[in-house]
Amino acid sequence: MDNLVEIVENQSKVISIQSGVISDLFTLLAQYMSADELNSLPQVDSINEAAILASECM
């Protein structure tokens, strides 16, 4: 059972790190693209969908 808890904790850490990297990369990208250009990217739709899901869990 302890091993399962450790696995879940590690997965949570990985997801948290990835989330931070995605946020940092999006911020960097936003420095080089207009808001309209960013909004036209399908990846932004996915980011927005994830943000909605995250807000519903809180």
N, C-alpha and C. Protein backbone atom coordinates (compact mmCIF):
# COMPACT_ATOMS: atom_id res chain seq x y z
N MET A 1 0.82 -1.20 0.00
CA MET A 1 0.00 0.00 0.00
C MET A 1 0.86 1.26 0.00
N ASP A 2 1.96 1.24 0.79
CA ASP A 2 2.84 2.41 0.81
C ASP A 2 3.39 2.72 -0.57
N ASN A 3 3.70 1.68 -1.33
CA ASN A 3 4.23 1.86 -2.66
C ASN A 3 3.21 2.57 -3.56
N LEU A 4 1.95 2.22 -3.42
CA LEU A 4 0.89 2.86 -4.20
C LEU A 4 0.79 4.34 -3.85
N VAL A 5 0.87 4.65 -2.57
CA VAL A 5 0.83 6.05 -2.14
C VAL A 5 2.00 6.81 -2.71
N GLU A 6 3.17 6.20 -2.70
CA GLU A 6 4.37 6.84 -3.25
C GLU A 6 4.21 7.08 -4.75
N ILE A 7 3.64 6.14 -5.45
CA ILE A 7 3.43 6.28 -6.89
C ILE A 7 2.49 7.46 -7.16
N VAL A 8 1.40 7.52 -6.43
CA VAL A 8 0.43 8.60 -6.62
C VAL A 8 1.06 9.95 -6.28
N GLU A 9 1.83 10.01 -5.20
CA GLU A 9 2.51 11.25 -4.83
C GLU A 9 3.49 11.68 -5.92
N ASN A 10 4.24 10.74 -6.45
CA ASN A 10 5.19 11.06 -7.53
C ASN A 10 4.47 11.52 -8.79
N GLN A 11 3.37 10.87 -9.12
CA GLN A 11 2.59 11.29 -10.29
C GLN A 11 2.05 12.71 -10.10
N SER A 12 1.62 12.99 -8.89
CA SER A 12 1.11 14.32 -8.59
C SER A 12 2.22 15.37 -8.74
N LYS A 13 3.41 15.05 -8.28
CA LYS A 13 4.55 15.97 -8.43
C LYS A 13 4.88 16.20 -9.90
N VAL A 14 4.88 15.13 -10.69
CA VAL A 14 5.16 15.24 -12.13
C VAL A 14 4.12 16.13 -12.80
N ILE A 15 2.86 15.91 -12.49
CA ILE A 15 1.79 16.72 -13.08
C ILE A 15 1.95 18.18 -12.69
N SER A 16 2.31 18.43 -11.44
CA SER A 16 2.51 19.80 -10.98
C SER A 16 3.66 20.46 -11.72
N ILE A 17 4.75 19.76 -11.89
CA ILE A 17 5.91 20.29 -12.63
C ILE A 17 5.51 20.58 -14.07
N GLN A 18 4.82 19.64 -14.70
CA GLN A 18 4.40 19.83 -16.09
C GLN A 18 3.47 21.02 -16.22
N SER A 19 2.58 21.18 -15.27
CA SER A 19 1.65 22.31 -15.29
C SER A 19 2.41 23.63 -15.23
N GLY A 20 3.40 23.70 -14.37
CA GLY A 20 4.21 24.91 -14.27
C GLY A 20 4.96 25.20 -15.55
N VAL A 21 5.51 24.17 -16.17
CA VAL A 21 6.24 24.35 -17.42
C VAL A 21 5.30 24.83 -18.53
N ILE A 22 4.13 24.24 -18.61
CA ILE A 22 3.16 24.66 -19.62
C ILE A 22 2.79 26.12 -19.43
N SER A 23 2.55 26.49 -18.18
CA SER A 23 2.21 27.88 -17.88
C SER A 23 3.34 28.83 -18.27
N ASP A 24 4.57 28.46 -17.92
CA ASP A 24 5.72 29.29 -18.27
C ASP A 24 5.89 29.41 -19.78
N LEU A 25 5.74 28.30 -20.49
CA LEU A 25 5.89 28.33 -21.95
C LEU A 25 4.80 29.17 -22.60
N PHE A 26 3.57 29.07 -22.07
CA PHE A 26 2.47 29.87 -22.62
C PHE A 26 2.74 31.36 -22.41
N THR A 27 3.25 31.70 -21.22
CA THR A 27 3.58 33.10 -20.93
C THR A 27 4.67 33.60 -21.87
N LEU A 28 5.65 32.77 -22.12
CA LEU A 28 6.72 33.13 -23.05
C LEU A 28 6.18 33.30 -24.46
N LEU A 29 5.35 32.39 -24.89
CA LEU A 29 4.74 32.46 -26.21
C LEU A 29 3.89 33.72 -26.36
N ALA A 30 3.20 34.09 -25.30
CA ALA A 30 2.32 35.26 -25.33
C ALA A 30 3.11 36.55 -25.55
N GLN A 31 4.39 36.54 -25.26
CA GLN A 31 5.22 37.72 -25.49
C GLN A 31 5.47 37.95 -26.98
N TYR A 32 5.29 36.91 -27.78
CA TYR A 32 5.62 36.98 -29.20
C TYR A 32 4.41 36.88 -30.12
N MET A 33 3.24 36.69 -29.54
CA MET A 33 2.03 36.57 -30.36
C MET A 33 0.96 37.50 -29.82
N SER A 34 0.09 37.95 -30.72
CA SER A 34 -1.02 38.78 -30.29
C SER A 34 -2.08 37.89 -29.63
N ALA A 35 -2.99 38.53 -28.93
CA ALA A 35 -4.08 37.79 -28.29
C ALA A 35 -4.92 37.04 -29.32
N ASP A 36 -5.17 37.66 -30.45
CA ASP A 36 -5.95 36.99 -31.51
C ASP A 36 -5.22 35.77 -32.04
N GLU A 37 -3.90 35.90 -32.23
CA GLU A 37 -3.13 34.75 -32.71
C GLU A 37 -3.15 33.62 -31.69
N LEU A 38 -2.99 33.96 -30.43
CA LEU A 38 -3.03 32.94 -29.38
C LEU A 38 -4.39 32.25 -29.33
N ASN A 39 -5.45 33.03 -29.40
CA ASN A 39 -6.80 32.47 -29.33
C ASN A 39 -7.13 31.57 -30.51
N SER A 40 -6.41 31.73 -31.61
CA SER A 40 -6.68 30.89 -32.78
C SER A 40 -6.00 29.52 -32.68
N LEU A 41 -5.13 29.35 -31.68
CA LEU A 41 -4.42 28.08 -31.52
C LEU A 41 -5.33 27.04 -30.85
N PRO A 42 -5.42 25.85 -31.41
CA PRO A 42 -6.25 24.81 -30.78
C PRO A 42 -5.73 24.42 -29.40
N GLN A 43 -4.45 24.59 -29.17
CA GLN A 43 -3.88 24.26 -27.86
C GLN A 43 -4.43 25.18 -26.77
N VAL A 44 -4.75 26.41 -27.14
CA VAL A 44 -5.32 27.34 -26.17
C VAL A 44 -6.70 26.86 -25.74
N ASP A 45 -7.45 26.29 -26.67
CA ASP A 45 -8.75 25.70 -26.30
C ASP A 45 -8.56 24.60 -25.26
N SER A 46 -7.54 23.79 -25.44
CA SER A 46 -7.26 22.72 -24.48
C SER A 46 -6.85 23.27 -23.13
N ILE A 47 -6.03 24.31 -23.14
CA ILE A 47 -5.61 24.95 -21.90
C ILE A 47 -6.83 25.52 -21.17
N ASN A 48 -7.71 26.17 -21.92
CA ASN A 48 -8.92 26.74 -21.32
C ASN A 48 -9.83 25.65 -20.77
N GLU A 49 -9.95 24.56 -21.49
CA GLU A 49 -10.78 23.44 -21.03
C GLU A 49 -10.21 22.87 -19.73
N ALA A 50 -8.91 22.72 -19.67
CA ALA A 50 -8.27 22.22 -18.45
C ALA A 50 -8.48 23.17 -17.28
N ALA A 51 -8.42 24.47 -17.55
CA ALA A 51 -8.63 25.46 -16.49
C ALA A 51 -10.05 25.40 -15.95
N ILE A 52 -11.01 25.18 -16.83
CA ILE A 52 -12.41 25.05 -16.40
C ILE A 52 -12.58 23.81 -15.53
N LEU A 53 -12.01 22.69 -15.99
CA LEU A 53 -12.10 21.46 -15.20
C LEU A 53 -11.44 21.62 -13.83
N ALA A 54 -10.30 22.29 -13.80
CA ALA A 54 -9.60 22.49 -12.53
C ALA A 54 -10.41 23.37 -11.60
N SER A 55 -11.06 24.38 -12.15
CA SER A 55 -11.85 25.29 -11.30
C SER A 55 -13.09 24.59 -10.75
N GLU A 56 -13.61 23.61 -11.46
CA GLU A 56 -14.79 22.88 -11.01
C GLU A 56 -14.44 21.93 -9.85
N CYS A 57 -13.17 21.57 -9.75
CA CYS A 57 -12.73 20.65 -8.69
C CYS A 57 -12.46 21.36 -7.38
N MET A 58 -12.40 22.66 -7.42
CA MET A 58 -12.05 23.41 -6.21
C MET A 58 -13.25 23.90 -5.48
